[in-house]
Amino acid sequence: MELTRFLPAAAVMAGVTYLVRAVPFGLIQRKITNRFLRSLLFYIPYAVLAAMTFPTVFYCTSDPLPSLVGTAAALVFAWRGSGMVSVALAACAAVGLTLLLQA
């Protein structure tokens, strides 16, 4: 991409990113007391992260079976209250074992 097209595009993207994060601080001067709105704002980062990463889980291997087994293992470990590292290790181990058994 040419530098004359890249710099304006990068400036617009930086401006939009800044405005999306800065405008709420400028508009909202007092503490949010609405329980629903506070709950909504609390869970937005988790929902966005899940929406970005979850679909990729099923395309990380050429066969969907190891992905499904890893997702199932992660859900079971998460449901039982394990930490994030334990859940990730269990999912990776389940995918690895499934791949080894398929070979």
PDB file of N, CA and C in Angstrom:
ATOM      1  N   MET A   1       0.844  -1.174   0.000  1.00  0.00           N
ATOM      2  CA  MET A   1       0.000   0.000   0.000  1.00  0.00           C
ATOM      3  C   MET A   1       0.889   1.236   0.000  1.00  0.00           C
ATOM      4  N   GLU A   2       0.469   2.234  -0.742  1.00  0.00           N
ATOM      5  CA  GLU A   2       1.235   3.462  -0.833  1.00  0.00           C
ATOM      6  C   GLU A   2       1.170   4.229   0.483  1.00  0.00           C
ATOM      7  N   LEU A   3       2.247   4.925   0.777  1.00  0.00           N
ATOM      8  CA  LEU A   3       2.314   5.694   2.019  1.00  0.00           C
ATOM      9  C   LEU A   3       1.284   6.814   2.033  1.00  0.00           C
ATOM     10  N   THR A   4       0.977   7.383   0.884  1.00  0.00           N
ATOM     11  CA  THR A   4       0.009   8.484   0.829  1.00  0.00           C
ATOM     12  C   THR A   4      -1.413   8.005   1.107  1.00  0.00           C
ATOM     13  N   ARG A   5      -1.671   6.734   0.934  1.00  0.00           N
ATOM     14  CA  ARG A   5      -2.987   6.186   1.270  1.00  0.00           C
ATOM     15  C   ARG A   5      -2.984   5.576   2.664  1.00  0.00           C
ATOM     16  N   PHE A   6      -1.834   5.061   3.086  1.00  0.00           N
ATOM     17  CA  PHE A   6      -1.756   4.398   4.383  1.00  0.00           C
ATOM     18  C   PHE A   6      -1.865   5.379   5.547  1.00  0.00           C
ATOM     19  N   LEU A   7      -1.153   6.490   5.479  1.00  0.00           N
ATOM     20  CA  LEU A   7      -1.152   7.435   6.598  1.00  0.00           C
ATOM     21  C   LEU A   7      -2.532   8.017   6.898  1.00  0.00           C
ATOM     22  N   PRO A   8      -3.299   8.468   5.903  1.00  0.00           N
ATOM     23  CA  PRO A   8      -4.654   8.939   6.236  1.00  0.00           C
ATOM     24  C   PRO A   8      -5.549   7.823   6.792  1.00  0.00           C
ATOM     25  N   ALA A   9      -5.417   6.626   6.246  1.00  0.00           N
ATOM     26  CA  ALA A   9      -6.219   5.515   6.755  1.00  0.00           C
ATOM     27  C   ALA A   9      -5.854   5.199   8.207  1.00  0.00           C
ATOM     28  N   ALA A  10      -4.559   5.192   8.506  1.00  0.00           N
ATOM     29  CA  ALA A  10      -4.119   4.940   9.876  1.00  0.00           C
ATOM     30  C   ALA A  10      -4.581   6.044  10.819  1.00  0.00           C
ATOM     31  N   ALA A  11      -4.561   7.297  10.343  1.00  0.00           N
ATOM     32  CA  ALA A  11      -5.018   8.419  11.171  1.00  0.00           C
ATOM     33  C   ALA A  11      -6.514   8.314  11.457  1.00  0.00           C
ATOM     34  N   VAL A  12      -7.297   7.936  10.457  1.00  0.00           N
ATOM     35  CA  VAL A  12      -8.744   7.778  10.670  1.00  0.00           C
ATOM     36  C   VAL A  12      -9.018   6.640  11.650  1.00  0.00           C
ATOM     37  N   MET A  13      -8.326   5.516  11.489  1.00  0.00           N
ATOM     38  CA  MET A  13      -8.520   4.395  12.410  1.00  0.00           C
ATOM     39  C   MET A  13      -8.124   4.773  13.827  1.00  0.00           C
ATOM     40  N   ALA A  14      -7.021   5.486  13.987  1.00  0.00           N
ATOM     41  CA  ALA A  14      -6.592   5.913  15.319  1.00  0.00           C
ATOM     42  C   ALA A  14      -7.608   6.882  15.924  1.00  0.00           C
ATOM     43  N   GLY A  15      -8.125   7.804  15.103  1.00  0.00           N
ATOM     44  CA  GLY A  15      -9.118   8.753  15.605  1.00  0.00           C
ATOM     45  C   GLY A  15     -10.399   8.077  16.042  1.00  0.00           C
ATOM     46  N   VAL A  16     -10.878   7.134  15.240  1.00  0.00           N
ATOM     47  CA  VAL A  16     -12.103   6.416  15.595  1.00  0.00           C
ATOM     48  C   VAL A  16     -11.888   5.607  16.878  1.00  0.00           C
ATOM     49  N   THR A  17     -10.756   4.927  16.972  1.00  0.00           N
ATOM     50  CA  THR A  17     -10.464   4.154  18.177  1.00  0.00           C
ATOM     51  C   THR A  17     -10.401   5.045  19.401  1.00  0.00           C
ATOM     52  N   TYR A  18      -9.763   6.203  19.273  1.00  0.00           N
ATOM     53  CA  TYR A  18      -9.666   7.132  20.401  1.00  0.00           C
ATOM     54  C   TYR A  18     -11.039   7.676  20.783  1.00  0.00           C
ATOM     55  N   LEU A  19     -11.818   8.074  19.790  1.00  0.00           N
ATOM     56  CA  LEU A  19     -13.129   8.664  20.072  1.00  0.00           C
ATOM     57  C   LEU A  19     -14.066   7.671  20.749  1.00  0.00           C
ATOM     58  N   VAL A  20     -14.057   6.429  20.303  1.00  0.00           N
ATOM     59  CA  VAL A  20     -14.920   5.414  20.899  1.00  0.00           C
ATOM     60  C   VAL A  20     -14.597   5.241  22.383  1.00  0.00           C
ATOM     61  N   ARG A  21     -13.353   5.414  22.750  1.00  0.00           N
ATOM     62  CA  ARG A  21     -12.961   5.234  24.146  1.00  0.00           C
ATOM     63  C   ARG A  21     -13.024   6.518  24.948  1.00  0.00           C
ATOM     64  N   ALA A  22     -12.843   7.666  24.318  1.00  0.00           N
ATOM     65  CA  ALA A  22     -12.783   8.926  25.045  1.00  0.00           C
ATOM     66  C   ALA A  22     -14.145   9.591  25.204  1.00  0.00           C
ATOM     67  N   VAL A  23     -15.026   9.433  24.236  1.00  0.00           N
ATOM     68  CA  VAL A  23     -16.324  10.109  24.297  1.00  0.00           C
ATOM     69  C   VAL A  23     -17.141   9.711  25.523  1.00  0.00           C
ATOM     70  N   PRO A  24     -17.222   8.431  25.890  1.00  0.00           N
ATOM     71  CA  PRO A  24     -17.988   8.110  27.102  1.00  0.00           C
ATOM     72  C   PRO A  24     -17.455   8.805  28.356  1.00  0.00           C
ATOM     73  N   PHE A  25     -16.152   8.980  28.455  1.00  0.00           N
ATOM     74  CA  PHE A  25     -15.601   9.683  29.616  1.00  0.00           C
ATOM     75  C   PHE A  25     -16.011  11.151  29.623  1.00  0.00           C
ATOM     76  N   GLY A  26     -16.150  11.735  28.448  1.00  0.00           N
ATOM     77  CA  GLY A  26     -16.552  13.130  28.364  1.00  0.00           C
ATOM     78  C   GLY A  26     -18.044  13.336  28.573  1.00  0.00           C
ATOM     79  N   LEU A  27     -18.843  12.358  28.146  1.00  0.00           N
ATOM     80  CA  LEU A  27     -20.286  12.503  28.243  1.00  0.00           C
ATOM     81  C   LEU A  27     -20.844  12.099  29.600  1.00  0.00           C
ATOM     82  N   ILE A  28     -20.250  11.105  30.206  1.00  0.00           N
ATOM     83  CA  ILE A  28     -20.764  10.592  31.487  1.00  0.00           C
ATOM     84  C   ILE A  28     -19.917  11.177  32.606  1.00  0.00           C
ATOM     85  N   GLN A  29     -20.496  12.120  33.344  1.00  0.00           N
ATOM     86  CA  GLN A  29     -19.759  12.802  34.397  1.00  0.00           C
ATOM     87  C   GLN A  29     -19.999  12.194  35.780  1.00  0.00           C
ATOM     88  N   ARG A  30     -21.114  11.522  35.946  1.00  0.00           N
ATOM     89  CA  ARG A  30     -21.418  10.982  37.271  1.00  0.00           C
ATOM     90  C   ARG A  30     -21.382   9.456  37.240  1.00  0.00           C
ATOM     91  N   LYS A  31     -21.421   8.858  38.417  1.00  0.00           N
ATOM     92  CA  LYS A  31     -21.356   7.411  38.515  1.00  0.00           C
ATOM     93  C   LYS A  31     -22.639   6.792  37.977  1.00  0.00           C
ATOM     94  N   ILE A  32     -22.496   5.680  37.261  1.00  0.00           N
ATOM     95  CA  ILE A  32     -23.653   4.976  36.712  1.00  0.00           C
ATOM     96  C   ILE A  32     -24.276   4.148  37.830  1.00  0.00           C
ATOM     97  N   THR A  33     -25.543   4.409  38.121  1.00  0.00           N
ATOM     98  CA  THR A  33     -26.217   3.709  39.219  1.00  0.00           C
ATOM     99  C   THR A  33     -27.205   2.662  38.733  1.00  0.00           C
ATOM    100  N   ASN A  34     -27.545   2.667  37.473  1.00  0.00           N
ATOM    101  CA  ASN A  34     -28.482   1.699  36.919  1.00  0.00           C
ATOM    102  C   ASN A  34     -27.838   0.314  36.948  1.00  0.00           C
ATOM    103  N   ARG A  35     -28.474  -0.641  37.633  1.00  0.00           N
ATOM    104  CA  ARG A  35     -27.893  -1.981  37.785  1.00  0.00           C
ATOM    105  C   ARG A  35     -27.764  -2.700  36.455  1.00  0.00           C
ATOM    106  N   PHE A  36     -28.777  -2.553  35.593  1.00  0.00           N
ATOM    107  CA  PHE A  36     -28.731  -3.220  34.292  1.00  0.00           C
ATOM    108  C   PHE A  36     -27.585  -2.687  33.443  1.00  0.00           C
ATOM    109  N   LEU A  37     -27.441  -1.383  33.382  1.00  0.00           N
ATOM    110  CA  LEU A  37     -26.386  -0.776  32.580  1.00  0.00           C
ATOM    111  C   LEU A  37     -25.004  -1.119  33.126  1.00  0.00           C
ATOM    112  N   ARG A  38     -24.855  -1.135  34.447  1.00  0.00           N
ATOM    113  CA  ARG A  38     -23.566  -1.518  35.050  1.00  0.00           C
ATOM    114  C   ARG A  38     -23.233  -2.968  34.719  1.00  0.00           C
ATOM    115  N   SER A  39     -24.232  -3.836  34.783  1.00  0.00           N
ATOM    116  CA  SER A  39     -24.015  -5.244  34.456  1.00  0.00           C
ATOM    117  C   SER A  39     -23.648  -5.398  32.987  1.00  0.00           C
ATOM    118  N   LEU A  40     -24.351  -4.665  32.112  1.00  0.00           N
ATOM    119  CA  LEU A  40     -24.058  -4.711  30.689  1.00  0.00           C
ATOM    120  C   LEU A  40     -22.633  -4.261  30.405  1.00  0.00           C
ATOM    121  N   LEU A  41     -22.227  -3.164  30.995  1.00  0.00           N
ATOM    122  CA  LEU A  41     -20.868  -2.653  30.775  1.00  0.00           C
ATOM    123  C   LEU A  41     -19.808  -3.576  31.369  1.00  0.00           C
ATOM    124  N   PHE A  42     -20.152  -4.278  32.434  1.00  0.00           N
ATOM    125  CA  PHE A  42     -19.193  -5.198  33.049  1.00  0.00           C
ATOM    126  C   PHE A  42     -18.895  -6.379  32.137  1.00  0.00           C
ATOM    127  N   TYR A  43     -19.924  -6.898  31.451  1.00  0.00           N
ATOM    128  CA  TYR A  43     -19.750  -8.109  30.654  1.00  0.00           C
ATOM    129  C   TYR A  43     -19.354  -7.861  29.204  1.00  0.00           C
ATOM    130  N   ILE A  44     -19.345  -6.635  28.740  1.00  0.00           N
ATOM    131  CA  ILE A  44     -19.002  -6.356  27.339  1.00  0.00           C
ATOM    132  C   ILE A  44     -17.601  -6.859  26.964  1.00  0.00           C
ATOM    133  N   PRO A  45     -16.557  -6.621  27.754  1.00  0.00           N
ATOM    134  CA  PRO A  45     -15.227  -7.130  27.342  1.00  0.00           C
ATOM    135  C   PRO A  45     -15.193  -8.645  27.192  1.00  0.00           C
ATOM    136  N   TYR A  46     -15.868  -9.370  28.087  1.00  0.00           N
ATOM    137  CA  TYR A  46     -15.886 -10.825  27.998  1.00  0.00           C
ATOM    138  C   TYR A  46     -16.638 -11.286  26.759  1.00  0.00           C
ATOM    139  N   ALA A  47     -17.743 -10.629  26.451  1.00  0.00           N
ATOM    140  CA  ALA A  47     -18.539 -11.007  25.281  1.00  0.00           C
ATOM    141  C   ALA A  47     -17.769 -10.737  23.988  1.00  0.00           C
ATOM    142  N   VAL A  48     -17.080  -9.613  23.920  1.00  0.00           N
ATOM    143  CA  VAL A  48     -16.312  -9.292  22.716  1.00  0.00           C
ATOM    144  C   VAL A  48     -15.155 -10.276  22.543  1.00  0.00           C
ATOM    145  N   LEU A  49     -14.467 -10.584  23.625  1.00  0.00           N
ATOM    146  CA  LEU A  49     -13.365 -11.544  23.547  1.00  0.00           C
ATOM    147  C   LEU A  49     -13.866 -12.914  23.102  1.00  0.00           C
ATOM    148  N   ALA A  50     -14.985 -13.347  23.649  1.00  0.00           N
ATOM    149  CA  ALA A  50     -15.551 -14.641  23.251  1.00  0.00           C
ATOM    150  C   ALA A  50     -15.970 -14.629  21.792  1.00  0.00           C
ATOM    151  N   ALA A  51     -16.582 -13.543  21.361  1.00  0.00           N
ATOM    152  CA  ALA A  51     -17.032 -13.457  19.972  1.00  0.00           C
ATOM    153  C   ALA A  51     -15.862 -13.457  18.996  1.00  0.00           C
ATOM    154  N   MET A  52     -14.728 -12.938  19.414  1.00  0.00           N
ATOM    155  CA  MET A  52     -13.560 -12.903  18.533  1.00  0.00           C
ATOM    156  C   MET A  52     -12.810 -14.231  18.516  1.00  0.00           C
ATOM    157  N   THR A  53     -12.756 -14.927  19.643  1.00  0.00           N
ATOM    158  CA  THR A  53     -11.917 -16.129  19.719  1.00  0.00           C
ATOM    159  C   THR A  53     -12.677 -17.425  19.500  1.00  0.00           C
ATOM    160  N   PHE A  54     -13.929 -17.496  19.893  1.00  0.00           N
ATOM    161  CA  PHE A  54     -14.640 -18.776  19.847  1.00  0.00           C
ATOM    162  C   PHE A  54     -14.770 -19.350  18.437  1.00  0.00           C
ATOM    163  N   PRO A  55     -15.123 -18.564  17.423  1.00  0.00           N
ATOM    164  CA  PRO A  55     -15.196 -19.162  16.079  1.00  0.00           C
ATOM    165  C   PRO A  55     -13.858 -19.711  15.582  1.00  0.00           C
ATOM    166  N   THR A  56     -12.779 -19.091  15.986  1.00  0.00           N
ATOM    167  CA  THR A  56     -11.454 -19.536  15.551  1.00  0.00           C
ATOM    168  C   THR A  56     -11.104 -20.902  16.121  1.00  0.00           C
ATOM    169  N   VAL A  57     -11.673 -21.239  17.253  1.00  0.00           N
ATOM    170  CA  VAL A  57     -11.392 -22.527  17.884  1.00  0.00           C
ATOM    171  C   VAL A  57     -11.709 -23.676  16.936  1.00  0.00           C
ATOM    172  N   PHE A  58     -12.773 -23.539  16.174  1.00  0.00           N
ATOM    173  CA  PHE A  58     -13.195 -24.647  15.315  1.00  0.00           C
ATOM    174  C   PHE A  58     -12.438 -24.718  13.998  1.00  0.00           C
ATOM    175  N   TYR A  59     -11.597 -23.743  13.726  1.00  0.00           N
ATOM    176  CA  TYR A  59     -10.818 -23.752  12.494  1.00  0.00           C
ATOM    177  C   TYR A  59      -9.323 -23.920  12.757  1.00  0.00           C
ATOM    178  N   CYS A  60      -8.930 -24.214  13.990  1.00  0.00           N
ATOM    179  CA  CYS A  60      -7.501 -24.317  14.303  1.00  0.00           C
ATOM    180  C   CYS A  60      -6.909 -25.649  13.846  1.00  0.00           C
ATOM    181  N   THR A  61      -7.737 -26.636  13.617  1.00  0.00           N
ATOM    182  CA  THR A  61      -7.257 -27.910  13.082  1.00  0.00           C
ATOM    183  C   THR A  61      -7.998 -28.192  11.789  1.00  0.00           C
ATOM    184  N   SER A  62      -7.458 -29.090  10.986  1.00  0.00           N
ATOM    185  CA  SER A  62      -8.097 -29.404   9.710  1.00  0.00           C
ATOM    186  C   SER A  62      -9.362 -30.243   9.909  1.00  0.00           C
ATOM    187  N   ASP A  63      -9.448 -30.951  11.031  1.00  0.00           N
ATOM    188  CA  ASP A  63     -10.604 -31.791  11.331  1.00  0.00           C
ATOM    189  C   ASP A  63     -11.366 -31.168  12.506  1.00  0.00           C
ATOM    190  N   PRO A  64     -12.680 -31.068  12.436  1.00  0.00           N
ATOM    191  CA  PRO A  64     -13.416 -30.429  13.533  1.00  0.00           C
ATOM    192  C   PRO A  64     -13.512 -31.273  14.809  1.00  0.00           C
ATOM    193  N   LEU A  65     -13.268 -32.561  14.739  1.00  0.00           N
ATOM    194  CA  LEU A  65     -13.406 -33.412  15.918  1.00  0.00           C
ATOM    195  C   LEU A  65     -12.472 -33.003  17.057  1.00  0.00           C
ATOM    196  N   PRO A  66     -11.156 -32.817  16.823  1.00  0.00           N
ATOM    197  CA  PRO A  66     -10.304 -32.379  17.932  1.00  0.00           C
ATOM    198  C   PRO A  66     -10.743 -31.035  18.517  1.00  0.00           C
ATOM    199  N   SER A  67     -11.234 -30.158  17.674  1.00  0.00           N
ATOM    200  CA  SER A  67     -11.718 -28.870  18.171  1.00  0.00           C
ATOM    201  C   SER A  67     -12.924 -29.046  19.076  1.00  0.00           C
ATOM    202  N   LEU A  68     -13.820 -29.916  18.684  1.00  0.00           N
ATOM    203  CA  LEU A  68     -14.999 -30.173  19.518  1.00  0.00           C
ATOM    204  C   LEU A  68     -14.623 -30.833  20.839  1.00  0.00           C
ATOM    205  N   VAL A  69     -13.685 -31.764  20.789  1.00  0.00           N
ATOM    206  CA  VAL A  69     -13.236 -32.438  22.021  1.00  0.00           C
ATOM    207  C   VAL A  69     -12.548 -31.431  22.943  1.00  0.00           C
ATOM    208  N   GLY A  70     -11.714 -30.568  22.392  1.00  0.00           N
ATOM    209  CA  GLY A  70     -11.050 -29.555  23.198  1.00  0.00           C
ATOM    210  C   GLY A  70     -12.023 -28.562  23.796  1.00  0.00           C
ATOM    211  N   THR A  71     -13.017 -28.169  23.025  1.00  0.00           N
ATOM    212  CA  THR A  71     -14.036 -27.253  23.533  1.00  0.00           C
ATOM    213  C   THR A  71     -14.833 -27.914  24.647  1.00  0.00           C
ATOM    214  N   ALA A  72     -15.185 -29.167  24.470  1.00  0.00           N
ATOM    215  CA  ALA A  72     -15.919 -29.889  25.509  1.00  0.00           C
ATOM    216  C   ALA A  72     -15.092 -29.993  26.790  1.00  0.00           C
ATOM    217  N   ALA A  73     -13.817 -30.305  26.651  1.00  0.00           N
ATOM    218  CA  ALA A  73     -12.947 -30.386  27.833  1.00  0.00           C
ATOM    219  C   ALA A  73     -12.846 -29.033  28.522  1.00  0.00           C
ATOM    220  N   ALA A  74     -12.716 -27.967  27.735  1.00  0.00           N
ATOM    221  CA  ALA A  74     -12.631 -26.630  28.321  1.00  0.00           C
ATOM    222  C   ALA A  74     -13.920 -26.276  29.055  1.00  0.00           C
ATOM    223  N   LEU A  75     -15.053 -26.596  28.465  1.00  0.00           N
ATOM    224  CA  LEU A  75     -16.334 -26.293  29.109  1.00  0.00           C
ATOM    225  C   LEU A  75     -16.505 -27.074  30.409  1.00  0.00           C
ATOM    226  N   VAL A  76     -16.100 -28.340  30.404  1.00  0.00           N
ATOM    227  CA  VAL A  76     -16.212 -29.148  31.632  1.00  0.00           C
ATOM    228  C   VAL A  76     -15.318 -28.581  32.733  1.00  0.00           C
ATOM    229  N   PHE A  77     -14.081 -28.265  32.408  1.00  0.00           N
ATOM    230  CA  PHE A  77     -13.169 -27.724  33.416  1.00  0.00           C
ATOM    231  C   PHE A  77     -13.628 -26.349  33.904  1.00  0.00           C
ATOM    232  N   ALA A  78     -14.128 -25.523  32.993  1.00  0.00           N
ATOM    233  CA  ALA A  78     -14.610 -24.205  33.395  1.00  0.00           C
ATOM    234  C   ALA A  78     -15.855 -24.331  34.263  1.00  0.00           C
ATOM    235  N   TRP A  79     -16.737 -25.258  33.919  1.00  0.00           N
ATOM    236  CA  TRP A  79     -17.963 -25.462  34.691  1.00  0.00           C
ATOM    237  C   TRP A  79     -17.641 -25.909  36.121  1.00  0.00           C
ATOM    238  N   ARG A  80     -16.564 -26.666  36.264  1.00  0.00           N
ATOM    239  CA  ARG A  80     -16.175 -27.145  37.597  1.00  0.00           C
ATOM    240  C   ARG A  80     -15.423 -26.095  38.406  1.00  0.00           C
ATOM    241  N   GLY A  81     -15.183 -24.930  37.806  1.00  0.00           N
ATOM    242  CA  GLY A  81     -14.566 -23.838  38.548  1.00  0.00           C
ATOM    243  C   GLY A  81     -13.052 -23.788  38.471  1.00  0.00           C
ATOM    244  N   SER A  82     -12.459 -24.472  37.519  1.00  0.00           N
ATOM    245  CA  SER A  82     -11.005 -24.425  37.371  1.00  0.00           C
ATOM    246  C   SER A  82     -10.573 -23.050  36.876  1.00  0.00           C
ATOM    247  N   GLY A  83      -9.322 -22.730  37.107  1.00  0.00           N
ATOM    248  CA  GLY A  83      -8.777 -21.458  36.658  1.00  0.00           C
ATOM    249  C   GLY A  83      -8.560 -21.450  35.155  1.00  0.00           C
ATOM    250  N   MET A  84      -8.262 -20.272  34.638  1.00  0.00           N
ATOM    251  CA  MET A  84      -8.118 -20.120  33.194  1.00  0.00           C
ATOM    252  C   MET A  84      -6.948 -20.935  32.649  1.00  0.00           C
ATOM    253  N   VAL A  85      -5.859 -20.993  33.387  1.00  0.00           N
ATOM    254  CA  VAL A  85      -4.698 -21.758  32.923  1.00  0.00           C
ATOM    255  C   VAL A  85      -5.030 -23.244  32.884  1.00  0.00           C
ATOM    256  N   SER A  86      -5.715 -23.742  33.909  1.00  0.00           N
ATOM    257  CA  SER A  86      -6.106 -25.156  33.934  1.00  0.00           C
ATOM    258  C   SER A  86      -7.057 -25.490  32.788  1.00  0.00           C
ATOM    259  N   VAL A  87      -7.991 -24.594  32.512  1.00  0.00           N
ATOM    260  CA  VAL A  87      -8.937 -24.811  31.412  1.00  0.00           C
ATOM    261  C   VAL A  87      -8.193 -24.855  30.082  1.00  0.00           C
ATOM    262  N   ALA A  88      -7.279 -23.923  29.872  1.00  0.00           N
ATOM    263  CA  ALA A  88      -6.519 -23.890  28.615  1.00  0.00           C
ATOM    264  C   ALA A  88      -5.648 -25.128  28.471  1.00  0.00           C
ATOM    265  N   LEU A  89      -4.991 -25.543  29.547  1.00  0.00           N
ATOM    266  CA  LEU A  89      -4.143 -26.745  29.480  1.00  0.00           C
ATOM    267  C   LEU A  89      -4.972 -27.994  29.219  1.00  0.00           C
ATOM    268  N   ALA A  90      -6.140 -28.090  29.834  1.00  0.00           N
ATOM    269  CA  ALA A  90      -7.009 -29.247  29.611  1.00  0.00           C
ATOM    270  C   ALA A  90      -7.485 -29.286  28.169  1.00  0.00           C
ATOM    271  N   ALA A  91      -7.853 -28.143  27.625  1.00  0.00           N
ATOM    272  CA  ALA A  91      -8.306 -28.102  26.232  1.00  0.00           C
ATOM    273  C   ALA A  91      -7.173 -28.480  25.287  1.00  0.00           C
ATOM    274  N   CYS A  92      -5.988 -27.955  25.532  1.00  0.00           N
ATOM    275  CA  CYS A  92      -4.833 -28.287  24.683  1.00  0.00           C
ATOM    276  C   CYS A  92      -4.492 -29.766  24.775  1.00  0.00           C
ATOM    277  N   ALA A  93      -4.543 -30.315  25.975  1.00  0.00           N
ATOM    278  CA  ALA A  93      -4.252 -31.739  26.152  1.00  0.00           C
ATOM    279  C   ALA A  93      -5.299 -32.595  25.450  1.00  0.00           C
ATOM    280  N   ALA A  94      -6.550 -32.213  25.545  1.00  0.00           N
ATOM    281  CA  ALA A  94      -7.615 -32.980  24.884  1.00  0.00           C
ATOM    282  C   ALA A  94      -7.452 -32.944  23.361  1.00  0.00           C
ATOM    283  N   VAL A  95      -7.122 -31.784  22.824  1.00  0.00           N
ATOM    284  CA  VAL A  95      -6.906 -31.689  21.378  1.00  0.00           C
ATOM    285  C   VAL A  95      -5.696 -32.525  20.974  1.00  0.00           C
ATOM    286  N   GLY A  96      -4.602 -32.419  21.733  1.00  0.00           N
ATOM    287  CA  GLY A  96      -3.409 -33.189  21.422  1.00  0.00           C
ATOM    288  C   GLY A  96      -3.645 -34.686  21.465  1.00  0.00           C
ATOM    289  N   LEU A  97      -4.346 -35.149  22.501  1.00  0.00           N
ATOM    290  CA  LEU A  97      -4.638 -36.572  22.586  1.00  0.00           C
ATOM    291  C   LEU A  97      -5.551 -37.046  21.459  1.00  0.00           C
ATOM    292  N   THR A  98      -6.512 -36.229  21.113  1.00  0.00           N
ATOM    293  CA  THR A  98      -7.412 -36.593  20.016  1.00  0.00           C
ATOM    294  C   THR A  98      -6.633 -36.686  18.699  1.00  0.00           C
ATOM    295  N   LEU A  99      -5.739 -35.748  18.480  1.00  0.00           N
ATOM    296  CA  LEU A  99      -4.925 -35.783  17.258  1.00  0.00           C
ATOM    297  C   LEU A  99      -4.007 -37.006  17.232  1.00  0.00           C
ATOM    298  N   LEU A 100      -3.451 -37.364  18.409  1.00  0.00           N
ATOM    299  CA  LEU A 100      -2.584 -38.541  18.477  1.00  0.00           C
ATOM    300  C   LEU A 100      -3.378 -39.824  18.218  1.00  0.00           C
ATOM    301  N   LEU A 101      -4.585 -39.893  18.772  1.00  0.00           N
ATOM    302  CA  LEU A 101      -5.403 -41.086  18.583  1.00  0.00           C
ATOM    303  C   LEU A 101      -5.914 -41.215  17.152  1.00  0.00           C
ATOM    304  N   GLN A 102      -6.091 -40.100  16.466  1.00  0.00           N
ATOM    305  CA  GLN A 102      -6.554 -40.155  15.076  1.00  0.00           C
ATOM    306  C   GLN A 102      -5.439 -40.558  14.126  1.00  0.00           C
ATOM    307  N   ALA A 103      -4.201 -40.323  14.495  1.00  0.00           N
ATOM    308  CA  ALA A 103      -3.092 -40.573  13.578  1.00  0.00           C
ATOM    309  C   ALA A 103      -2.838 -42.047  13.367  1.00  0.00           C
TER     310      ALA A 103
END
